[in-house]
Protein backbone atom coordinates (compact mmCIF):
# COMPACT_ATOMS: atom_id res chain seq x y z
CA MET A 1 0.00 0.00 0.00
CA THR A 2 1.43 3.37 -0.99
CA ASN A 3 0.79 6.61 0.77
CA ASP A 4 -0.15 9.13 -1.92
CA VAL A 5 -0.14 11.95 0.60
CA TRP A 6 3.67 12.11 0.42
CA SER A 7 4.09 11.57 -3.33
CA ARG A 8 5.29 14.61 -5.25
CA GLU A 9 5.36 15.51 -8.92
CA GLU A 10 8.67 17.31 -8.41
CA PRO A 11 12.29 16.27 -8.97
CA GLN A 12 13.48 14.12 -6.09
CA SER A 13 16.86 14.36 -4.42
CA PRO A 14 19.69 12.61 -6.30
CA CYS A 15 21.33 11.66 -2.99
CA VAL A 16 22.82 8.14 -3.02
CA ASN A 17 23.91 8.18 0.64
CA ILE A 18 27.60 8.57 -0.18
CA CYS A 19 27.91 11.96 1.47
CA VAL A 20 31.54 13.03 1.16
CA VAL A 21 32.32 16.57 0.05
CA ASP A 22 35.45 17.24 -2.00
CA ARG A 23 37.43 19.96 -0.24
CA ASP A 24 38.43 21.87 -3.38
CA SER A 25 35.29 21.75 -5.52
CA ARG A 26 32.79 21.57 -2.62
CA LEU A 27 30.95 18.86 -4.60
CA CYS A 28 29.55 15.74 -2.98
CA ILE A 29 31.32 12.78 -4.57
CA GLY A 30 28.13 10.72 -4.29
CA CYS A 31 25.57 12.92 -6.06
CA PHE A 32 27.85 15.68 -7.47
CA ARG A 33 25.77 18.52 -6.07
CA HIS A 34 27.52 21.56 -4.61
CA ILE A 35 27.27 21.91 -0.86
CA SER A 36 25.01 24.97 -1.29
CA GLU A 37 22.69 22.99 -3.57
CA ILE A 38 22.44 20.20 -1.00
CA ALA A 39 21.72 22.60 1.84
CA GLY A 40 18.90 24.37 0.02
CA TRP A 41 17.51 21.46 -1.99
CA GLY A 42 14.11 21.25 -0.30
CA SER A 43 13.40 24.96 -0.62
CA ARG A 44 14.45 25.33 -4.26
CA PRO A 45 11.75 25.60 -6.93
CA ALA A 46 11.09 22.42 -8.94
CA GLU A 47 12.45 24.05 -12.12
CA GLU A 48 15.76 24.84 -10.45
CA ARG A 49 16.06 21.32 -9.06
CA ALA A 50 15.37 19.91 -12.52
CA ARG A 51 18.11 22.14 -13.99
CA ILE A 52 20.59 20.97 -11.36
CA LEU A 53 19.67 17.33 -12.03
CA GLU A 54 20.38 17.83 -15.73
CA GLU A 55 23.89 19.14 -14.91
CA LEU A 56 24.88 16.22 -12.66
CA PRO A 57 26.00 13.71 -15.35
CA ALA A 58 28.44 16.27 -16.81
CA ARG A 59 29.75 17.11 -13.34
CA ALA A 60 30.27 13.42 -12.59
CA LYS A 61 32.15 12.92 -15.84
CA ALA A 62 34.36 15.98 -15.24
CA PHE A 63 35.10 15.19 -11.60
CA LYS A 64 38.67 14.08 -11.01
CA PRO A 65 39.62 12.99 -7.51
CA LYS A 66 42.79 14.71 -6.35
CA ARG A 67 44.34 11.62 -4.81
CA LYS A 68 43.81 7.92 -4.41
CA GLY A 69 42.61 6.64 -1.10
CA GLY A 70 43.37 3.54 0.86
CA ARG A 71 46.58 1.63 1.31
CA ALA A 72 48.06 2.61 -2.06
CA ALA A 73 47.87 6.31 -1.23
CA ARG A 74 49.42 5.84 2.19
CA SER A 75 52.31 3.77 0.86
CA ASN A 76 52.96 6.33 -1.90
CA ASP A 77 52.99 9.11 0.70
CA LEU A 78 55.51 7.20 2.78
CA ASP A 79 57.74 6.60 -0.26
CA LYS A 80 57.95 10.36 -0.86
CA ARG A 81 59.32 11.11 2.61
């Protein structure tokens, strides 16, 4: 049974629950929204949310992480010392 009271005809949040913000670009590496877009998402007009959603695939494609994480990054850092 669905609850139609909460259904909306508006763009939904693209959040994928990988909420890590890149320090330089201020983009979430999960959904590729800017921190200001995330903070104001619920209060933005539907048209603006739709425009942001259209931009996300290009942002994801252009995003380049600055460094590798995990063991490989730590061992490379140690090698440089």
